[in-house]
PDB file of N, CA and C in Angstrom:
ATOM      1  N   ILE A   1       5.627   2.995   8.004  1.00  0.00           N
ATOM      2  CA  ILE A   1       5.739   1.226   8.213  1.00  0.00           C
ATOM      3  C   ILE A   1       7.766   1.408   7.462  1.00  0.00           C
ATOM      4  N   THR A   2       7.751   0.681   7.582  1.00  0.00           N
ATOM      5  CA  THR A   2       8.637   0.992   6.797  1.00  0.00           C
ATOM      6  C   THR A   2       8.527  -0.657   6.061  1.00  0.00           C
ATOM      7  N   GLY A   3       9.393  -0.365   4.762  1.00  0.00           N
ATOM      8  CA  GLY A   3       9.671  -0.945   3.268  1.00  0.00           C
ATOM      9  C   GLY A   3       7.362  -0.825   3.002  1.00  0.00           C
ATOM     10  N   GLY A   4       6.889   0.360   3.051  1.00  0.00           N
ATOM     11  CA  GLY A   4       6.099   0.513   2.604  1.00  0.00           C
ATOM     12  C   GLY A   4       5.685   0.456   1.014  1.00  0.00           C
ATOM     13  N   ALA A   5       6.847   1.499   0.375  1.00  0.00           N
ATOM     14  CA  ALA A   5       6.070   1.934  -0.732  1.00  0.00           C
ATOM     15  C   ALA A   5       5.670   0.432  -1.852  1.00  0.00           C
ATOM     16  N   ALA A   6       6.205  -0.595  -1.169  1.00  0.00           N
ATOM     17  CA  ALA A   6       5.537  -1.901  -2.284  1.00  0.00           C
ATOM     18  C   ALA A   6       5.409  -2.790  -1.379  1.00  0.00           C
ATOM     19  N   GLY A   7       4.571  -4.132  -1.780  1.00  0.00           N
ATOM     20  CA  GLY A   7       4.739  -5.567  -1.691  1.00  0.00           C
ATOM     21  C   GLY A   7       4.010  -5.595  -0.265  1.00  0.00           C
ATOM     22  N   ILE A   8       3.986  -6.330   0.608  1.00  0.00           N
ATOM     23  CA  ILE A   8       3.743  -6.931   2.512  1.00  0.00           C
ATOM     24  C   ILE A   8       3.713  -5.435   2.483  1.00  0.00           C
ATOM     25  N   GLY A   9       4.337  -4.854   3.219  1.00  0.00           N
ATOM     26  CA  GLY A   9       4.304  -3.102   3.212  1.00  0.00           C
ATOM     27  C   GLY A   9       3.519  -1.972   2.978  1.00  0.00           C
ATOM     28  N   LEU A  10       3.256  -2.065   2.183  1.00  0.00           N
ATOM     29  CA  LEU A  10       2.162  -1.184   0.913  1.00  0.00           C
ATOM     30  C   LEU A  10       0.496  -2.104   1.522  1.00  0.00           C
ATOM     31  N   ALA A  11       1.038  -3.084   1.622  1.00  0.00           N
ATOM     32  CA  ALA A  11      -0.567  -4.306   1.879  1.00  0.00           C
ATOM     33  C   ALA A  11      -1.290  -3.925   3.311  1.00  0.00           C
ATOM     34  N   CYS A  12      -0.052  -3.036   4.203  1.00  0.00           N
ATOM     35  CA  CYS A  12      -0.006  -3.296   5.505  1.00  0.00           C
ATOM     36  C   CYS A  12      -0.866  -2.083   5.791  1.00  0.00           C
ATOM     37  N   ALA A  13      -0.142  -0.905   4.651  1.00  0.00           N
ATOM     38  CA  ALA A  13      -0.541   0.767   4.724  1.00  0.00           C
ATOM     39  C   ALA A  13      -1.865   0.568   4.582  1.00  0.00           C
ATOM     40  N   GLN A  14      -1.860   0.205   3.671  1.00  0.00           N
ATOM     41  CA  GLN A  14      -3.537   0.372   3.263  1.00  0.00           C
ATOM     42  C   GLN A  14      -4.714  -0.310   4.273  1.00  0.00           C
ATOM     43  N   TRP A  15      -4.012  -1.207   4.294  1.00  0.00           N
ATOM     44  CA  TRP A  15      -5.086  -2.055   5.477  1.00  0.00           C
ATOM     45  C   TRP A  15      -4.928  -1.491   6.733  1.00  0.00           C
ATOM     46  N   LEU A  16      -4.357  -0.677   7.229  1.00  0.00           N
ATOM     47  CA  LEU A  16      -4.647   0.083   8.065  1.00  0.00           C
ATOM     48  C   LEU A  16      -5.029   1.678   7.860  1.00  0.00           C
ATOM     49  N   ALA A  17      -4.297   2.264   6.623  1.00  0.00           N
ATOM     50  CA  ALA A  17      -5.412   3.716   5.874  1.00  0.00           C
ATOM     51  C   ALA A  17      -7.283   3.259   6.455  1.00  0.00           C
ATOM     52  N   LYS A  18      -7.481   1.911   5.929  1.00  0.00           N
ATOM     53  CA  LYS A  18      -8.988   1.731   5.686  1.00  0.00           C
ATOM     54  C   LYS A  18      -9.555   1.107   7.035  1.00  0.00           C
ATOM     55  N   HIS A  19      -8.717   1.133   8.126  1.00  0.00           N
ATOM     56  CA  HIS A  19      -9.095   0.934   9.166  1.00  0.00           C
ATOM     57  C   HIS A  19      -9.442   2.027  10.181  1.00  0.00           C
ATOM     58  N   GLY A  20      -9.078   3.424  10.165  1.00  0.00           N
ATOM     59  CA  GLY A  20      -9.036   4.868  10.165  1.00  0.00           C
ATOM     60  C   GLY A  20      -7.121   4.977  10.426  1.00  0.00           C
ATOM     61  N   CYS A  21      -6.576   4.568  10.493  1.00  0.00           N
ATOM     62  CA  CYS A  21      -5.187   4.536  11.297  1.00  0.00           C
ATOM     63  C   CYS A  21      -4.432   6.098  10.660  1.00  0.00           C
ATOM     64  N   ARG A  22      -3.380   6.860  10.835  1.00  0.00           N
ATOM     65  CA  ARG A  22      -2.834   7.745  10.242  1.00  0.00           C
ATOM     66  C   ARG A  22      -1.187   6.815   9.890  1.00  0.00           C
ATOM     67  N   ILE A  23      -0.933   7.208   8.601  1.00  0.00           N
ATOM     68  CA  ILE A  23       0.107   6.138   8.366  1.00  0.00           C
ATOM     69  C   ILE A  23       0.831   7.464   7.684  1.00  0.00           C
ATOM     70  N   ALA A  24       2.455   6.524   7.734  1.00  0.00           N
ATOM     71  CA  ALA A  24       3.782   7.076   7.956  1.00  0.00           C
ATOM     72  C   ALA A  24       4.430   5.599   6.826  1.00  0.00           C
ATOM     73  N   ILE A  25       4.754   6.168   5.133  1.00  0.00           N
ATOM     74  CA  ILE A  25       5.687   5.333   4.875  1.00  0.00           C
ATOM     75  C   ILE A  25       7.228   5.495   4.953  1.00  0.00           C
ATOM     76  N   ALA A  26       7.948   5.249   5.640  1.00  0.00           N
ATOM     77  CA  ALA A  26       9.211   5.229   4.917  1.00  0.00           C
ATOM     78  C   ALA A  26       9.533   4.238   4.417  1.00  0.00           C
ATOM     79  N   ASP A  27      10.431   4.582   2.937  1.00  0.00           N
ATOM     80  CA  ASP A  27      11.202   3.342   2.384  1.00  0.00           C
ATOM     81  C   ASP A  27      12.144   4.102   2.082  1.00  0.00           C
ATOM     82  N   ARG A  28      13.696   3.660   1.196  1.00  0.00           N
ATOM     83  CA  ARG A  28      14.971   4.184   0.699  1.00  0.00           C
ATOM     84  C   ARG A  28      13.827   4.306  -0.071  1.00  0.00           C
ATOM     85  N   ASP A  29      13.179   4.185  -1.277  1.00  0.00           N
ATOM     86  CA  ASP A  29      12.850   4.314  -2.698  1.00  0.00           C
ATOM     87  C   ASP A  29      11.516   5.775  -2.518  1.00  0.00           C
ATOM     88  N   GLU A  30      12.231   7.224  -2.649  1.00  0.00           N
ATOM     89  CA  GLU A  30      12.010   8.213  -2.476  1.00  0.00           C
ATOM     90  C   GLU A  30      10.711   8.519  -3.426  1.00  0.00           C
ATOM     91  N   ARG A  31      10.212   7.769  -4.361  1.00  0.00           N
ATOM     92  CA  ARG A  31       9.112   8.381  -5.017  1.00  0.00           C
ATOM     93  C   ARG A  31       8.415   7.348  -5.213  1.00  0.00           C
ATOM     94  N   GLY A  32       8.140   5.650  -4.453  1.00  0.00           N
ATOM     95  CA  GLY A  32       7.867   4.855  -4.420  1.00  0.00           C
ATOM     96  C   GLY A  32       7.057   5.298  -2.751  1.00  0.00           C
ATOM     97  N   ALA A  33       7.811   6.051  -2.449  1.00  0.00           N
ATOM     98  CA  ALA A  33       7.343   6.672  -0.891  1.00  0.00           C
ATOM     99  C   ALA A  33       6.397   7.507  -0.389  1.00  0.00           C
ATOM    100  N   LEU A  34       6.935   8.326  -1.814  1.00  0.00           N
ATOM    101  CA  LEU A  34       5.810   9.853  -2.054  1.00  0.00           C
ATOM    102  C   LEU A  34       4.045   8.971  -2.358  1.00  0.00           C
ATOM    103  N   VAL A  35       4.619   7.662  -3.862  1.00  0.00           N
ATOM    104  CA  VAL A  35       3.502   7.235  -4.564  1.00  0.00           C
ATOM    105  C   VAL A  35       2.428   6.814  -3.299  1.00  0.00           C
ATOM    106  N   ALA A  36       3.210   5.816  -2.362  1.00  0.00           N
ATOM    107  CA  ALA A  36       2.458   5.177  -1.533  1.00  0.00           C
ATOM    108  C   ALA A  36       1.286   6.018  -0.913  1.00  0.00           C
ATOM    109  N   ALA A  37       2.812   7.033  -0.337  1.00  0.00           N
ATOM    110  CA  ALA A  37       1.125   8.061   1.181  1.00  0.00           C
ATOM    111  C   ALA A  37       0.334   8.437   0.606  1.00  0.00           C
ATOM    112  N   ARG A  38       0.639   8.755  -0.757  1.00  0.00           N
ATOM    113  CA  ARG A  38      -0.078   9.911  -1.010  1.00  0.00           C
ATOM    114  C   ARG A  38      -1.444   8.778  -1.558  1.00  0.00           C
ATOM    115  N   ALA A  39      -1.381   7.571  -1.951  1.00  0.00           N
ATOM    116  CA  ALA A  39      -2.252   6.789  -2.100  1.00  0.00           C
ATOM    117  C   ALA A  39      -2.967   6.029  -1.196  1.00  0.00           C
ATOM    118  N   VAL A  40      -2.371   5.876   0.518  1.00  0.00           N
ATOM    119  CA  VAL A  40      -2.951   6.362   2.142  1.00  0.00           C
ATOM    120  C   VAL A  40      -3.566   7.056   2.477  1.00  0.00           C
ATOM    121  N   GLY A  41      -2.972   8.025   1.350  1.00  0.00           N
ATOM    122  CA  GLY A  41      -3.830   9.629   3.275  1.00  0.00           C
ATOM    123  C   GLY A  41      -2.088  10.082   3.685  1.00  0.00           C
ATOM    124  N   GLY A  42      -1.567   9.357   3.700  1.00  0.00           N
ATOM    125  CA  GLY A  42      -0.361   9.801   4.694  1.00  0.00           C
ATOM    126  C   GLY A  42       0.584  10.545   4.571  1.00  0.00           C
ATOM    127  N   ILE A  43       1.965  10.827   5.541  1.00  0.00           N
ATOM    128  CA  ILE A  43       2.884  11.176   4.548  1.00  0.00           C
ATOM    129  C   ILE A  43       4.540  10.266   4.126  1.00  0.00           C
ATOM    130  N   ALA A  44       5.119  10.742   3.704  1.00  0.00           N
ATOM    131  CA  ALA A  44       6.196   9.559   3.374  1.00  0.00           C
ATOM    132  C   ALA A  44       7.430  10.436   4.022  1.00  0.00           C
ATOM    133  N   ILE A  45       8.639   9.049   4.815  1.00  0.00           N
ATOM    134  CA  ILE A  45       9.951   9.576   4.775  1.00  0.00           C
ATOM    135  C   ILE A  45      10.687   8.372   4.397  1.00  0.00           C
ATOM    136  N   VAL A  46      11.975   9.609   3.872  1.00  0.00           N
ATOM    137  CA  VAL A  46      12.691   8.912   2.731  1.00  0.00           C
ATOM    138  C   VAL A  46      14.097   8.010   3.498  1.00  0.00           C
ATOM    139  N   LEU A  47      13.884   6.932   4.039  1.00  0.00           N
ATOM    140  CA  LEU A  47      14.666   6.380   4.825  1.00  0.00           C
ATOM    141  C   LEU A  47      15.337   5.303   4.481  1.00  0.00           C
ATOM    142  N   ASP A  48      16.794   4.684   4.623  1.00  0.00           N
ATOM    143  CA  ASP A  48      17.112   3.364   5.043  1.00  0.00           C
ATOM    144  C   ASP A  48      17.246   2.725   6.197  1.00  0.00           C
ATOM    145  N   VAL A  49      16.450   1.903   7.099  1.00  0.00           N
ATOM    146  CA  VAL A  49      16.507   1.534   7.994  1.00  0.00           C
ATOM    147  C   VAL A  49      18.072   0.821   8.454  1.00  0.00           C
ATOM    148  N   ARG A  50      18.337   0.319   7.398  1.00  0.00           N
ATOM    149  CA  ARG A  50      19.884  -0.102   7.654  1.00  0.00           C
ATOM    150  C   ARG A  50      21.010   0.772   7.972  1.00  0.00           C
ATOM    151  N   GLN A  51      20.890   1.992   8.857  1.00  0.00           N
ATOM    152  CA  GLN A  51      21.599   3.286   9.025  1.00  0.00           C
ATOM    153  C   GLN A  51      20.831   4.184  10.393  1.00  0.00           C
ATOM    154  N   PRO A  52      21.770   3.386  11.022  1.00  0.00           N
ATOM    155  CA  PRO A  52      20.877   3.597  12.874  1.00  0.00           C
ATOM    156  C   PRO A  52      20.538   5.062  12.556  1.00  0.00           C
ATOM    157  N   ASP A  53      21.770   6.062  12.288  1.00  0.00           N
ATOM    158  CA  ASP A  53      21.771   7.109  12.474  1.00  0.00           C
ATOM    159  C   ASP A  53      20.672   7.696  11.788  1.00  0.00           C
ATOM    160  N   ALA A  54      20.599   7.190  10.296  1.00  0.00           N
ATOM    161  CA  ALA A  54      18.853   7.740   9.871  1.00  0.00           C
ATOM    162  C   ALA A  54      17.840   8.184  10.336  1.00  0.00           C
ATOM    163  N   VAL A  55      17.467   6.643  11.185  1.00  0.00           N
ATOM    164  CA  VAL A  55      16.122   5.861  12.351  1.00  0.00           C
ATOM    165  C   VAL A  55      16.468   7.884  12.925  1.00  0.00           C
ATOM    166  N   GLU A  56      17.291   7.483  13.627  1.00  0.00           N
ATOM    167  CA  GLU A  56      17.253   8.438  14.853  1.00  0.00           C
ATOM    168  C   GLU A  56      16.841  10.124  14.167  1.00  0.00           C
ATOM    169  N   GLU A  57      17.839  10.334  12.997  1.00  0.00           N
ATOM    170  CA  GLU A  57      17.631  11.219  12.772  1.00  0.00           C
ATOM    171  C   GLU A  57      15.548  11.737  12.391  1.00  0.00           C
ATOM    172  N   ALA A  58      15.166  10.448  11.549  1.00  0.00           N
ATOM    173  CA  ALA A  58      13.872  10.710  11.091  1.00  0.00           C
ATOM    174  C   ALA A  58      12.749  11.002  11.979  1.00  0.00           C
ATOM    175  N   VAL A  59      13.113  10.536  13.403  1.00  0.00           N
ATOM    176  CA  VAL A  59      12.570  10.015  14.328  1.00  0.00           C
ATOM    177  C   VAL A  59      11.851  11.172  14.854  1.00  0.00           C
ATOM    178  N   GLY A  60      13.012  11.337  15.405  1.00  0.00           N
ATOM    179  CA  GLY A  60      13.425  13.290  15.651  1.00  0.00           C
ATOM    180  C   GLY A  60      12.878  13.665  15.190  1.00  0.00           C
ATOM    181  N   HIS A  61      12.792  14.265  14.198  1.00  0.00           N
ATOM    182  CA  HIS A  61      12.301  15.544  12.954  1.00  0.00           C
ATOM    183  C   HIS A  61      10.630  15.154  13.034  1.00  0.00           C
ATOM    184  N   GLN A  62      10.224  13.810  12.768  1.00  0.00           N
ATOM    185  CA  GLN A  62       8.953  13.732  12.880  1.00  0.00           C
ATOM    186  C   GLN A  62       8.092  14.255  14.167  1.00  0.00           C
ATOM    187  N   ALA A  63       8.407  13.547  14.916  1.00  0.00           N
ATOM    188  CA  ALA A  63       8.779  14.083  16.611  1.00  0.00           C
ATOM    189  C   ALA A  63       8.580  15.331  17.067  1.00  0.00           C
ATOM    190  N   GLY A  64       9.477  16.227  16.335  1.00  0.00           N
ATOM    191  CA  GLY A  64       9.106  17.469  17.062  1.00  0.00           C
ATOM    192  C   GLY A  64       8.356  18.362  16.556  1.00  0.00           C
TER     193      GLY A  64
END
């Protein structure tokens, strides 16, 4: 979930986790992503989605 460290992104992550989904929190705020991921039992990915190369790297890294 991009922007999952706070606000609507975090609310979506909480709802999805409550319903049995596995969650990856992607956010440029490293500390926020880590805290949110722990709260929902997911993983944190530090990522700025405005950087296409960073997105490609994160997706490739997680899939491998």
